[in-house]
Amino acid sequence: HEAEAVGRLTHPRIAAIYDFIETEHIACIVMELVNGKSLAHHLQEVSQYGFKDTWEIIRQILDGLAYTHGQGVTHRDLKPGNILINDDGRIKITDFGVARIESSSNITQIGDIVGTPYYMAPEQFAGQESTLLTDLYQVGVICYELLTGQKPFVGTNLDLMRKVVNE
């Protein structure tokens, strides 16, 4: 599914997928080498970012999302672990494994819950259809975490669901 979603995307903010190999026992994706670390790793080293650095990261993520959305692809699982930062500071969005592609049949159905709980939008917790706004909500959560050094909502999955849906 990821190879289908990203294979057609060519943009400086999207990690390119070059090939997909599947056998009876394993499936592999051959993707672009990104010299750097994930934003999650950076957050372990620098727990809080200033406005200028946060804006530069968010601007690049939004640049990549504008392109993917224009191509009919909704990521649905944006989180620091899926944002790679090259050694020179350039962002690459990765892991389109649960992406929604407008022009294809969905692997997930309405009622399925996909995503990473700390970054999930209210509609994801409710099992409703994800939209482009789902990705923007997730970018907002990443922005909050960069600026404050904390996730906006914490707790068990049930606690997170209650807080996100009700606040």
Protein backbone atom coordinates (compact mmCIF):
# COMPACT_ATOMS: atom_id res chain seq x y z
CA HIS A 1 0.00 0.00 0.00
CA GLU A 2 2.83 2.40 0.91
CA ALA A 3 4.61 1.74 -2.36
CA GLU A 4 1.41 2.53 -4.24
CA ALA A 5 0.84 5.73 -2.26
CA VAL A 6 4.36 7.12 -2.46
CA GLY A 7 5.62 5.53 -5.65
CA ARG A 8 3.91 8.18 -7.73
CA LEU A 9 4.96 11.11 -5.51
CA THR A 10 8.03 13.07 -6.56
CA HIS A 11 8.79 15.98 -4.28
CA PRO A 12 11.82 17.20 -2.29
CA ARG A 13 9.89 16.78 1.02
CA ILE A 14 8.81 13.17 0.38
CA ALA A 15 11.22 10.24 0.81
CA ALA A 16 11.21 8.55 -2.59
CA ILE A 17 10.30 4.90 -3.01
CA TYR A 18 12.27 3.17 -5.76
CA ASP A 19 11.02 -0.40 -5.66
CA PHE A 20 8.75 -2.84 -3.89
CA ILE A 21 9.72 -6.48 -3.42
CA GLU A 22 7.28 -9.07 -2.18
CA THR A 23 7.78 -12.79 -1.69
CA GLU A 24 5.67 -15.40 0.01
CA HIS A 25 7.37 -14.60 3.34
CA ILE A 26 8.36 -10.94 3.26
CA ALA A 27 7.55 -7.55 1.77
CA CYS A 28 10.25 -4.87 1.40
CA ILE A 29 10.34 -1.29 0.21
CA VAL A 30 13.47 0.16 -1.37
CA MET A 31 13.48 3.84 -0.51
CA GLU A 32 15.71 6.88 -0.70
CA LEU A 33 18.61 7.03 1.74
CA VAL A 34 18.13 9.96 4.08
CA ASN A 35 21.35 10.95 5.87
CA GLY A 36 20.07 12.17 9.20
CA LYS A 37 17.64 11.25 11.97
CA SER A 38 13.94 11.28 12.66
CA LEU A 39 12.33 14.24 14.34
CA ALA A 40 11.56 11.84 17.22
CA HIS A 41 15.31 11.33 17.73
CA HIS A 42 15.89 15.08 17.60
CA LEU A 43 13.17 15.57 20.24
CA GLN A 44 15.05 13.19 22.55
CA GLU A 45 18.16 15.38 22.21
CA VAL A 46 16.47 18.81 22.17
CA SER A 47 13.22 18.58 24.07
CA GLN A 48 11.94 22.01 23.05
CA TYR A 49 12.48 24.15 19.96
CA GLY A 50 12.32 27.91 19.50
CA PHE A 51 9.84 29.61 17.19
CA LYS A 52 12.28 30.01 14.28
CA ASP A 53 13.39 26.35 14.24
CA THR A 54 9.82 25.13 14.77
CA TRP A 55 8.57 27.28 11.90
CA GLU A 56 11.26 25.94 9.57
CA ILE A 57 10.33 22.33 10.38
CA ILE A 58 6.57 22.94 10.13
CA ARG A 59 6.95 24.96 6.91
CA GLN A 60 8.75 22.07 5.24
CA ILE A 61 6.21 19.50 6.47
CA LEU A 62 3.36 21.67 5.14
CA ASP A 63 5.19 22.03 1.81
CA GLY A 64 5.32 18.25 1.45
CA LEU A 65 1.72 17.84 2.57
CA ALA A 66 0.47 20.45 0.11
CA TYR A 67 2.01 18.36 -2.65
CA THR A 68 0.68 14.99 -1.39
CA HIS A 69 -2.79 16.42 -0.84
CA GLY A 70 -2.71 17.84 -4.37
CA GLN A 71 -1.98 14.30 -5.58
CA GLY A 72 -4.96 12.90 -3.66
CA VAL A 73 -2.94 11.27 -0.85
CA THR A 74 -3.73 11.76 2.85
CA HIS A 75 -0.93 10.51 5.14
CA ARG A 76 -3.05 9.79 8.28
CA ASP A 77 -0.07 8.97 10.54
CA LEU A 78 2.10 12.07 10.77
CA LYS A 79 4.29 11.97 13.85
CA PRO A 80 7.91 12.83 14.69
CA GLY A 81 9.00 9.27 13.93
CA ASN A 82 7.74 9.64 10.34
CA ILE A 83 9.54 12.93 9.73
CA LEU A 84 13.20 12.56 8.77
CA ILE A 85 15.63 15.47 8.94
CA ASN A 86 18.70 15.35 6.68
CA ASP A 87 22.01 16.44 8.14
CA ASP A 88 21.54 19.74 6.27
CA GLY A 89 18.11 20.38 7.85
CA ARG A 90 15.88 19.31 4.96
CA ILE A 91 12.69 17.44 5.90
CA LYS A 92 11.54 14.17 4.32
CA ILE A 93 8.11 12.73 5.13
CA THR A 94 8.06 8.92 5.28
CA ASP A 95 5.84 5.96 6.16
CA PHE A 96 2.72 6.26 4.05
CA GLY A 97 1.70 2.75 5.18
CA VAL A 98 -1.83 3.78 6.24
CA ALA A 99 -2.23 6.57 3.69
CA ARG A 100 -5.58 7.15 2.04
CA ILE A 101 -5.44 7.46 -1.73
CA GLU A 102 -8.39 9.30 -3.26
CA SER A 103 -8.40 7.40 -6.53
CA SER A 104 -8.15 3.86 -5.14
CA SER A 105 -10.22 1.61 -2.96
CA ASN A 106 -9.29 1.94 0.68
CA ILE A 107 -7.74 -0.90 2.62
CA THR A 108 -9.32 0.57 5.74
CA GLN A 109 -13.04 1.11 6.01
CA ILE A 110 -15.08 3.63 7.91
CA GLY A 111 -15.04 2.44 11.52
CA ASP A 112 -11.40 1.30 11.37
CA ILE A 113 -9.08 3.21 13.66
CA VAL A 114 -5.65 3.93 12.15
CA GLY A 115 -2.83 6.15 13.34
CA THR A 116 -0.69 6.75 16.39
CA PRO A 117 -2.88 7.70 19.40
CA TYR A 118 -0.85 10.75 20.58
CA TYR A 119 -1.19 12.32 17.13
CA MET A 120 -4.63 11.11 16.07
CA ALA A 121 -7.35 13.58 15.13
CA PRO A 122 -10.83 13.31 16.68
CA GLU A 123 -12.29 11.76 13.52
CA GLN A 124 -9.68 9.00 13.65
CA PHE A 125 -10.62 8.09 17.23
CA ALA A 126 -14.27 8.06 16.17
CA GLY A 127 -13.52 5.70 13.26
CA GLN A 128 -14.72 8.30 10.76
CA GLU A 129 -13.17 9.03 7.37
CA SER A 130 -9.84 10.83 7.48
CA THR A 131 -9.53 13.96 5.37
CA LEU A 132 -6.82 16.46 4.54
CA LEU A 133 -7.71 18.18 7.82
CA THR A 134 -6.65 15.02 9.67
CA ASP A 135 -3.08 15.59 8.48
CA LEU A 136 -3.25 19.26 9.45
CA TYR A 137 -4.42 18.34 12.96
CA GLN A 138 -1.42 16.03 13.27
CA VAL A 139 0.92 18.82 12.14
CA GLY A 140 -0.61 21.00 14.86
CA VAL A 141 0.16 18.34 17.47
CA ILE A 142 3.76 18.12 16.20
CA CYS A 143 4.05 21.93 16.35
CA TYR A 144 2.74 21.97 19.92
CA GLU A 145 5.25 19.30 20.91
CA LEU A 146 8.15 21.17 19.29
CA LEU A 147 7.29 24.42 21.05
CA THR A 148 6.45 23.05 24.49
CA GLY A 149 8.49 19.86 24.69
CA GLN A 150 5.30 17.96 25.59
CA LYS A 151 2.46 16.22 23.80
CA PRO A 152 -0.86 18.08 24.19
CA PHE A 153 -2.64 14.99 25.54
CA VAL A 154 -1.18 12.08 27.52
CA GLY A 155 -2.54 8.94 29.14
CA THR A 156 -3.88 5.58 28.04
CA ASN A 157 -5.45 5.21 24.61
CA LEU A 158 -8.89 5.56 26.21
CA ASP A 159 -7.79 8.71 28.10
CA LEU A 160 -6.38 10.16 24.87
CA MET A 161 -9.57 9.43 22.99
CA ARG A 162 -11.71 11.14 25.64
CA LYS A 163 -9.45 14.21 25.77
CA VAL A 164 -9.07 14.63 21.99
CA VAL A 165 -12.74 14.10 21.19
CA ASN A 166 -14.05 16.26 24.06
CA GLU A 167 -11.58 19.17 24.04
